[in-house]
N, C-alpha and C. Protein backbone atom coordinates (compact mmCIF):
# COMPACT_ATOMS: atom_id res chain seq x y z
N MET A 1 84.00 10.23 36.00
CA MET A 1 83.44 8.92 36.18
C MET A 1 81.88 9.23 35.81
N SER A 2 81.38 8.16 35.02
CA SER A 2 79.98 8.27 34.53
C SER A 2 79.35 6.95 35.18
N LEU A 3 78.16 7.25 35.78
CA LEU A 3 77.41 6.12 36.29
C LEU A 3 76.01 6.04 35.57
N PRO A 4 75.50 4.82 35.46
CA PRO A 4 74.33 4.60 34.76
C PRO A 4 73.09 5.51 35.55
N PRO A 5 72.03 5.80 34.98
CA PRO A 5 71.15 6.69 35.53
C PRO A 5 70.56 5.95 36.86
N ASN A 6 70.24 6.73 37.79
CA ASN A 6 69.67 6.30 39.08
C ASN A 6 70.51 5.26 39.78
N ARG A 7 71.77 5.27 39.69
CA ARG A 7 72.79 4.25 40.21
C ARG A 7 73.78 5.07 40.99
N LEU A 8 73.84 4.81 42.30
CA LEU A 8 74.92 5.44 43.16
C LEU A 8 76.16 4.53 43.27
N PRO A 9 77.19 5.22 43.63
CA PRO A 9 78.44 4.22 43.74
C PRO A 9 78.17 3.58 45.11
N PRO A 10 78.80 2.26 45.26
CA PRO A 10 78.54 1.70 46.51
C PRO A 10 79.27 2.36 47.63
N PRO A 11 78.67 2.42 48.86
CA PRO A 11 79.38 3.10 49.94
C PRO A 11 80.63 2.20 50.40
N GLN A 12 81.65 2.84 50.88
CA GLN A 12 82.77 2.17 51.44
C GLN A 12 82.90 2.63 52.87
N VAL A 13 83.07 1.49 53.77
CA VAL A 13 83.10 1.82 55.18
C VAL A 13 84.22 1.02 55.75
N THR A 14 85.04 1.67 56.53
CA THR A 14 86.16 0.81 57.27
C THR A 14 85.97 0.92 58.84
N LEU A 15 85.90 -0.12 59.49
CA LEU A 15 85.77 -0.27 60.87
C LEU A 15 87.12 -0.49 61.45
N LYS A 16 87.35 0.14 62.56
CA LYS A 16 88.66 -0.12 63.33
C LYS A 16 88.42 -0.21 64.74
N HIS A 17 88.76 -1.31 65.31
CA HIS A 17 88.47 -1.50 66.95
C HIS A 17 89.66 -0.64 67.67
N VAL A 18 89.21 0.24 68.43
CA VAL A 18 90.20 1.18 69.13
C VAL A 18 90.21 0.65 70.47
N ALA A 19 89.04 0.63 71.15
CA ALA A 19 89.01 0.26 72.53
C ALA A 19 87.59 0.05 73.08
N ILE A 20 87.49 -0.60 74.27
CA ILE A 20 86.13 -0.87 74.78
C ILE A 20 86.10 0.09 75.97
N VAL A 21 85.08 0.87 76.03
CA VAL A 21 84.84 1.90 77.11
C VAL A 21 83.91 1.46 78.11
N ASP A 22 84.18 1.48 79.27
CA ASP A 22 83.36 1.01 80.42
C ASP A 22 82.51 2.31 80.77
N LEU A 23 81.20 2.07 80.40
CA LEU A 23 80.26 3.19 80.70
C LEU A 23 79.66 3.11 82.16
N THR A 24 79.99 2.22 82.95
CA THR A 24 79.59 2.19 84.29
C THR A 24 80.24 3.37 85.08
N SER A 25 81.44 3.73 84.70
CA SER A 25 82.04 4.77 85.29
C SER A 25 81.42 6.11 85.08
N LEU A 26 80.60 6.27 84.03
CA LEU A 26 79.83 7.41 83.69
C LEU A 26 78.58 7.44 84.75
N ASN A 27 78.01 6.18 84.89
CA ASN A 27 76.91 6.02 85.78
C ASN A 27 77.38 6.32 87.25
N ASP A 28 78.60 5.88 87.60
CA ASP A 28 79.05 6.15 88.95
C ASP A 28 79.30 7.67 89.19
N PHE A 29 79.75 8.43 88.24
CA PHE A 29 79.92 9.77 88.28
C PHE A 29 78.57 10.49 88.34
N TYR A 30 77.54 9.84 87.71
CA TYR A 30 76.24 10.66 87.84
C TYR A 30 75.62 10.33 89.22
N LEU A 31 75.90 9.29 89.73
CA LEU A 31 75.53 8.82 91.09
C LEU A 31 76.36 9.40 92.25
N GLN A 32 77.44 10.26 91.71
CA GLN A 32 78.38 11.18 92.56
C GLN A 32 79.22 10.06 93.44
N GLN A 33 79.52 8.98 92.72
CA GLN A 33 80.41 8.12 93.49
C GLN A 33 81.80 8.27 93.04
N HIS A 34 82.06 9.03 92.03
CA HIS A 34 83.34 9.47 91.60
C HIS A 34 83.37 11.00 91.40
N LYS A 35 84.51 11.66 91.84
CA LYS A 35 84.43 13.15 91.76
C LYS A 35 84.94 13.61 90.45
N MET A 36 85.69 12.83 89.78
CA MET A 36 86.17 13.25 88.34
C MET A 36 85.31 12.56 87.34
N PRO A 37 84.97 13.39 86.21
CA PRO A 37 84.15 12.64 85.15
C PRO A 37 85.14 11.72 84.38
N PRO A 38 84.52 10.62 83.86
CA PRO A 38 85.33 9.73 83.05
C PRO A 38 85.37 10.36 81.60
N ARG A 39 86.69 10.79 81.37
CA ARG A 39 86.80 11.47 80.12
C ARG A 39 86.46 10.58 78.83
N ASP A 40 86.96 9.34 78.92
CA ASP A 40 86.76 8.48 77.79
C ASP A 40 85.23 8.20 77.46
N ALA A 41 84.43 7.96 78.65
CA ALA A 41 83.08 7.68 78.59
C ALA A 41 82.36 8.86 78.00
N MET A 42 82.80 10.20 78.58
CA MET A 42 82.18 11.57 78.15
C MET A 42 82.33 11.59 76.54
N GLN A 43 83.58 11.25 76.15
CA GLN A 43 83.74 11.52 74.72
C GLN A 43 82.84 10.55 73.88
N VAL A 44 82.81 9.32 74.30
CA VAL A 44 81.91 8.24 73.67
C VAL A 44 80.45 8.78 73.65
N LEU A 45 79.84 9.20 74.86
CA LEU A 45 78.64 9.86 74.79
C LEU A 45 78.39 10.98 73.84
N ASP A 46 79.39 11.87 73.73
CA ASP A 46 79.33 13.06 72.93
C ASP A 46 79.42 12.60 71.46
N VAL A 47 80.07 11.67 71.03
CA VAL A 47 80.09 11.17 69.71
C VAL A 47 78.81 10.43 69.36
N VAL A 48 78.26 9.62 70.31
CA VAL A 48 77.11 8.96 69.89
C VAL A 48 75.75 9.93 69.82
N VAL A 49 75.81 10.96 70.71
CA VAL A 49 74.75 11.86 70.53
C VAL A 49 74.79 12.61 69.24
N ARG A 50 75.89 13.12 68.90
CA ARG A 50 76.27 13.92 67.66
C ARG A 50 75.92 13.08 66.39
N HIS A 51 76.48 11.81 66.36
CA HIS A 51 76.25 10.96 65.24
C HIS A 51 74.81 10.39 65.06
N ALA A 52 74.02 10.35 66.15
CA ALA A 52 72.58 9.95 66.12
C ALA A 52 71.90 10.87 65.04
N PHE A 53 72.28 12.16 65.07
CA PHE A 53 71.79 13.08 63.96
C PHE A 53 72.10 12.76 62.58
N ALA A 54 73.32 12.20 62.48
CA ALA A 54 73.68 11.91 61.22
C ALA A 54 72.97 10.94 60.43
N ALA A 55 72.25 10.14 61.07
CA ALA A 55 71.18 9.19 60.32
C ALA A 55 69.91 9.83 60.00
N THR A 56 69.68 11.14 60.37
CA THR A 56 68.58 11.88 59.99
C THR A 56 68.79 12.51 58.54
N LEU A 57 67.76 12.38 57.79
CA LEU A 57 67.71 12.99 56.47
C LEU A 57 67.92 14.54 56.64
N ASN A 58 68.43 15.12 55.65
CA ASN A 58 68.53 16.69 55.60
C ASN A 58 69.35 17.23 56.77
N CYS A 59 70.32 16.37 57.22
CA CYS A 59 71.07 16.82 58.41
C CYS A 59 72.52 16.91 57.99
N THR A 60 73.26 18.11 58.33
CA THR A 60 74.56 18.17 58.03
C THR A 60 75.36 18.31 59.29
N LEU A 61 76.31 17.59 59.55
CA LEU A 61 77.26 17.73 60.60
C LEU A 61 78.43 18.47 60.30
N ILE A 62 78.92 19.51 60.88
CA ILE A 62 80.08 20.33 60.78
C ILE A 62 80.71 20.47 62.13
N GLY A 63 81.77 19.76 62.50
CA GLY A 63 82.28 19.87 63.83
C GLY A 63 81.25 19.49 64.90
N ARG A 64 81.09 20.31 65.88
CA ARG A 64 79.96 20.18 66.79
C ARG A 64 78.60 20.77 66.40
N SER A 65 78.54 21.40 65.27
CA SER A 65 77.29 21.96 64.77
C SER A 65 76.50 21.14 63.91
N ILE A 66 75.24 21.19 64.17
CA ILE A 66 74.25 20.25 63.47
C ILE A 66 73.19 21.26 62.70
N PHE A 67 73.23 21.10 61.36
CA PHE A 67 72.38 21.97 60.59
C PHE A 67 71.30 21.07 59.91
N PHE A 68 69.92 21.41 60.00
CA PHE A 68 68.89 20.72 59.44
C PHE A 68 68.50 21.58 58.24
N THR A 69 68.51 20.97 56.99
CA THR A 69 68.16 21.74 55.80
C THR A 69 66.87 21.06 55.34
N GLY A 70 66.11 21.85 54.60
CA GLY A 70 65.00 21.33 54.00
C GLY A 70 63.71 20.97 54.93
N CYS A 71 63.80 21.59 56.43
CA CYS A 71 62.62 21.44 57.08
C CYS A 71 62.17 22.84 57.48
N LEU A 72 60.92 22.85 58.11
CA LEU A 72 60.24 24.21 58.23
C LEU A 72 60.95 25.13 59.12
N GLU A 73 61.75 24.63 59.99
CA GLU A 73 62.47 25.44 60.95
C GLU A 73 63.75 26.16 60.18
N ALA A 74 64.25 25.46 59.23
CA ALA A 74 65.33 26.11 58.53
C ALA A 74 64.90 27.01 57.57
N ARG A 75 65.17 28.17 57.82
CA ARG A 75 64.85 29.28 56.90
C ARG A 75 66.05 29.99 56.40
N PRO A 76 66.50 29.53 55.14
CA PRO A 76 67.68 30.08 54.63
C PRO A 76 67.58 31.65 54.33
N ILE A 77 68.70 32.42 54.56
CA ILE A 77 68.76 33.73 54.28
C ILE A 77 69.77 33.74 53.10
N ARG A 78 69.27 34.17 51.89
CA ARG A 78 70.10 34.27 50.71
C ARG A 78 70.86 35.46 50.53
N PHE A 79 72.14 35.25 50.19
CA PHE A 79 72.97 36.47 49.81
C PHE A 79 73.73 35.97 48.53
N GLY A 80 73.00 36.09 47.39
CA GLY A 80 73.52 35.58 46.04
C GLY A 80 73.42 34.06 46.14
N SER A 81 74.43 33.41 46.04
CA SER A 81 74.59 31.97 45.99
C SER A 81 74.77 31.39 47.37
N VAL A 82 74.76 32.13 48.42
CA VAL A 82 75.04 31.77 49.74
C VAL A 82 73.89 31.77 50.59
N GLU A 83 73.71 30.73 51.40
CA GLU A 83 72.58 30.62 52.25
C GLU A 83 73.11 30.55 53.71
N VAL A 84 72.51 31.34 54.60
CA VAL A 84 72.85 31.15 55.99
C VAL A 84 71.71 30.44 56.68
N ILE A 85 72.09 29.21 57.31
CA ILE A 85 71.20 28.45 57.96
C ILE A 85 71.49 28.32 59.40
N GLN A 86 70.45 28.34 60.10
CA GLN A 86 70.58 28.31 61.56
C GLN A 86 70.53 26.82 62.00
N GLY A 87 71.41 26.52 62.99
CA GLY A 87 71.39 25.17 63.43
C GLY A 87 71.79 25.11 64.96
N VAL A 88 72.13 23.99 65.45
CA VAL A 88 72.57 23.91 66.90
C VAL A 88 73.88 23.46 67.10
N LYS A 89 74.57 23.89 68.10
CA LYS A 89 75.82 23.33 68.54
C LYS A 89 75.66 22.57 69.75
N GLN A 90 76.09 21.40 69.92
CA GLN A 90 75.87 20.53 71.17
C GLN A 90 77.36 20.26 71.71
N ALA A 91 77.17 20.06 73.12
CA ALA A 91 78.45 19.61 73.83
C ALA A 91 77.92 19.02 75.14
N ILE A 92 78.69 17.93 75.56
CA ILE A 92 78.31 17.28 76.80
C ILE A 92 79.30 17.74 77.66
N LYS A 93 78.73 18.18 78.93
CA LYS A 93 79.50 18.80 79.98
C LYS A 93 79.35 17.99 81.24
N ALA A 94 80.40 17.94 82.16
CA ALA A 94 80.25 17.42 83.41
C ALA A 94 80.06 18.53 84.32
N THR A 95 78.99 18.47 85.19
CA THR A 95 78.74 19.48 86.22
C THR A 95 78.64 18.86 87.46
N GLU A 96 78.50 19.70 88.57
CA GLU A 96 78.21 19.10 89.93
C GLU A 96 77.14 18.26 90.15
N ALA A 97 76.03 18.64 89.24
CA ALA A 97 74.76 17.90 89.43
C ALA A 97 74.77 16.51 88.47
N GLY A 98 75.78 16.50 87.77
CA GLY A 98 75.92 15.14 86.82
C GLY A 98 76.32 15.55 85.48
N VAL A 99 75.68 15.02 84.48
CA VAL A 99 76.02 15.27 83.12
C VAL A 99 75.00 16.05 82.36
N ARG A 100 75.49 17.14 81.74
CA ARG A 100 74.59 18.05 81.00
C ARG A 100 74.78 18.06 79.50
N ILE A 101 73.76 18.15 78.75
CA ILE A 101 73.95 18.44 77.24
C ILE A 101 73.72 19.90 77.11
N ASN A 102 74.65 20.54 76.55
CA ASN A 102 74.53 21.97 76.36
C ASN A 102 74.30 22.26 74.95
N VAL A 103 73.06 22.82 74.59
CA VAL A 103 72.80 23.11 73.16
C VAL A 103 72.59 24.65 72.96
N ASP A 104 73.42 25.13 72.08
CA ASP A 104 73.24 26.60 71.51
C ASP A 104 72.99 26.76 70.21
N ALA A 105 72.45 27.88 69.90
CA ALA A 105 72.20 28.22 68.37
C ALA A 105 73.45 28.45 67.65
N THR A 106 73.59 28.19 66.46
CA THR A 106 74.78 28.51 65.62
C THR A 106 74.29 28.83 64.25
N PHE A 107 75.00 29.44 63.24
CA PHE A 107 74.65 29.77 61.97
C PHE A 107 75.83 29.19 61.16
N GLY A 108 75.44 28.75 59.92
CA GLY A 108 76.44 28.37 58.92
C GLY A 108 76.21 28.82 57.60
N ALA A 109 77.12 29.18 56.88
CA ALA A 109 77.04 29.62 55.54
C ALA A 109 77.13 28.37 54.55
N PHE A 110 76.28 28.32 53.62
CA PHE A 110 76.22 27.19 52.63
C PHE A 110 76.05 27.70 51.22
N LEU A 111 76.70 26.99 50.33
CA LEU A 111 76.27 27.38 48.95
C LEU A 111 74.74 26.97 48.59
N ALA A 112 74.10 27.76 47.98
CA ALA A 112 72.75 27.39 47.62
C ALA A 112 72.79 26.29 46.66
N GLU A 113 71.80 25.53 46.68
CA GLU A 113 71.53 24.30 45.88
C GLU A 113 71.60 24.79 44.38
N CYS A 114 72.48 24.11 43.64
CA CYS A 114 72.46 24.47 42.12
C CYS A 114 73.01 23.37 41.46
N GLU A 115 73.16 23.43 40.20
CA GLU A 115 73.81 22.57 39.33
C GLU A 115 75.30 22.63 39.39
N LEU A 116 76.01 21.62 39.54
CA LEU A 116 77.40 21.66 39.73
C LEU A 116 78.02 22.27 38.50
N GLY A 117 77.68 21.93 37.36
CA GLY A 117 78.28 22.68 36.12
C GLY A 117 78.19 24.21 36.12
N GLU A 118 76.93 24.72 36.66
CA GLU A 118 76.72 26.18 36.72
C GLU A 118 77.77 26.65 37.73
N LEU A 119 77.86 26.01 39.07
CA LEU A 119 78.75 26.43 39.93
C LEU A 119 80.14 26.56 39.38
N LEU A 120 80.63 25.53 38.75
CA LEU A 120 82.06 25.64 38.16
C LEU A 120 82.19 26.69 37.21
N PHE A 121 81.32 26.86 36.22
CA PHE A 121 81.39 27.93 35.37
C PHE A 121 81.28 29.33 36.04
N ASP A 122 80.44 29.44 36.99
CA ASP A 122 80.36 30.74 37.72
C ASP A 122 81.68 31.01 38.38
N SER A 123 82.36 30.00 39.02
CA SER A 123 83.68 30.32 39.72
C SER A 123 84.72 30.60 38.73
N LEU A 124 84.66 30.12 37.38
CA LEU A 124 85.52 30.50 36.40
C LEU A 124 85.23 31.86 35.82
N ASN A 125 84.09 32.37 36.14
CA ASN A 125 83.55 33.57 35.42
C ASN A 125 83.46 33.40 33.95
N ARG A 126 83.04 32.24 33.52
CA ARG A 126 82.98 32.05 32.04
C ARG A 126 81.77 31.30 31.70
N ARG A 127 81.27 31.44 30.54
CA ARG A 127 80.28 30.68 30.01
C ARG A 127 80.44 30.09 28.75
N ASP A 128 81.73 30.11 28.32
CA ASP A 128 82.03 29.63 26.96
C ASP A 128 82.31 28.03 26.90
N GLY A 129 82.21 27.29 28.03
CA GLY A 129 82.17 25.95 28.08
C GLY A 129 83.56 25.30 27.77
N ASP A 130 84.57 25.86 28.12
CA ASP A 130 86.02 25.24 27.84
C ASP A 130 86.06 24.11 28.90
N LEU A 131 86.04 22.87 28.24
CA LEU A 131 85.98 21.58 29.07
C LEU A 131 87.36 21.49 29.87
N HIS A 132 88.52 21.89 29.38
CA HIS A 132 89.73 21.75 30.10
C HIS A 132 89.60 22.40 31.34
N GLU A 133 89.27 23.72 31.40
CA GLU A 133 89.10 24.52 32.59
C GLU A 133 88.07 23.93 33.49
N PHE A 134 87.04 23.41 33.05
CA PHE A 134 85.92 22.76 33.86
C PHE A 134 86.52 21.67 34.45
N HIS A 135 87.35 20.77 33.92
CA HIS A 135 87.87 19.59 34.67
C HIS A 135 88.86 19.95 35.60
N VAL A 136 89.68 21.03 35.32
CA VAL A 136 90.63 21.49 36.34
C VAL A 136 89.95 21.96 37.63
N ALA A 137 88.96 22.81 37.42
CA ALA A 137 88.12 23.35 38.38
C ALA A 137 87.50 22.12 39.31
N ALA A 138 86.95 21.21 38.53
CA ALA A 138 86.28 20.07 39.22
C ALA A 138 87.22 19.32 40.25
N LYS A 139 88.45 19.04 39.81
CA LYS A 139 89.48 18.49 40.51
C LYS A 139 89.76 19.21 41.79
N LYS A 140 89.68 20.57 41.70
CA LYS A 140 90.07 21.28 42.95
C LYS A 140 88.93 21.47 43.98
N LEU A 141 87.73 20.83 43.77
CA LEU A 141 86.69 20.91 44.67
C LEU A 141 87.04 20.08 46.00
N VAL A 142 87.04 20.76 47.02
CA VAL A 142 87.36 20.14 48.26
C VAL A 142 86.41 20.66 49.26
N GLY A 143 85.85 19.80 50.21
CA GLY A 143 84.88 20.13 51.18
C GLY A 143 83.40 20.57 50.71
N PHE A 144 83.13 19.99 49.55
CA PHE A 144 81.77 20.11 48.99
C PHE A 144 81.04 18.86 49.32
N LYS A 145 79.76 19.01 49.84
CA LYS A 145 78.93 17.82 49.88
C LYS A 145 78.03 17.86 48.64
N ILE A 146 78.12 16.82 47.85
CA ILE A 146 77.43 16.70 46.56
C ILE A 146 76.39 15.58 46.79
N GLN A 147 75.05 15.96 46.62
CA GLN A 147 73.96 15.02 46.64
C GLN A 147 73.66 14.66 45.25
N PHE A 148 73.29 13.29 44.98
CA PHE A 148 72.69 12.79 43.83
C PHE A 148 71.26 12.74 43.94
N PRO A 149 70.50 13.20 42.77
CA PRO A 149 69.03 13.04 42.88
C PRO A 149 68.58 11.64 43.00
């Protein structure tokens, strides 16, 4: 697929109504009026906190881990074409004292930023430019985050 210069494909978003969660039960638990934490409200709070980071530039979410790339605190350690970046892992827990956000350090391995063509040719261990092999390798890319300039 070829796009005109400086033009990104339009984003596609699908919204689906699942349920309405009553957050007053979370407040009641916090005030110790309920002994059991409201599981649905805890899940909503967990998702909201995690996805608040998704709106941040240079932020990558992988499961419960949050990695910030391109900031001063992110110091990549390079092993060839792989970078190890420190991030945080967050989880919301119910405790006797109320609700607690647990934040731990985590590390993730990422491919170093490079040209997609170079990456594909390196993965094929070739430099002769066989376009058929290039297209086959490009179709097998799964789990890559590709950013456009």
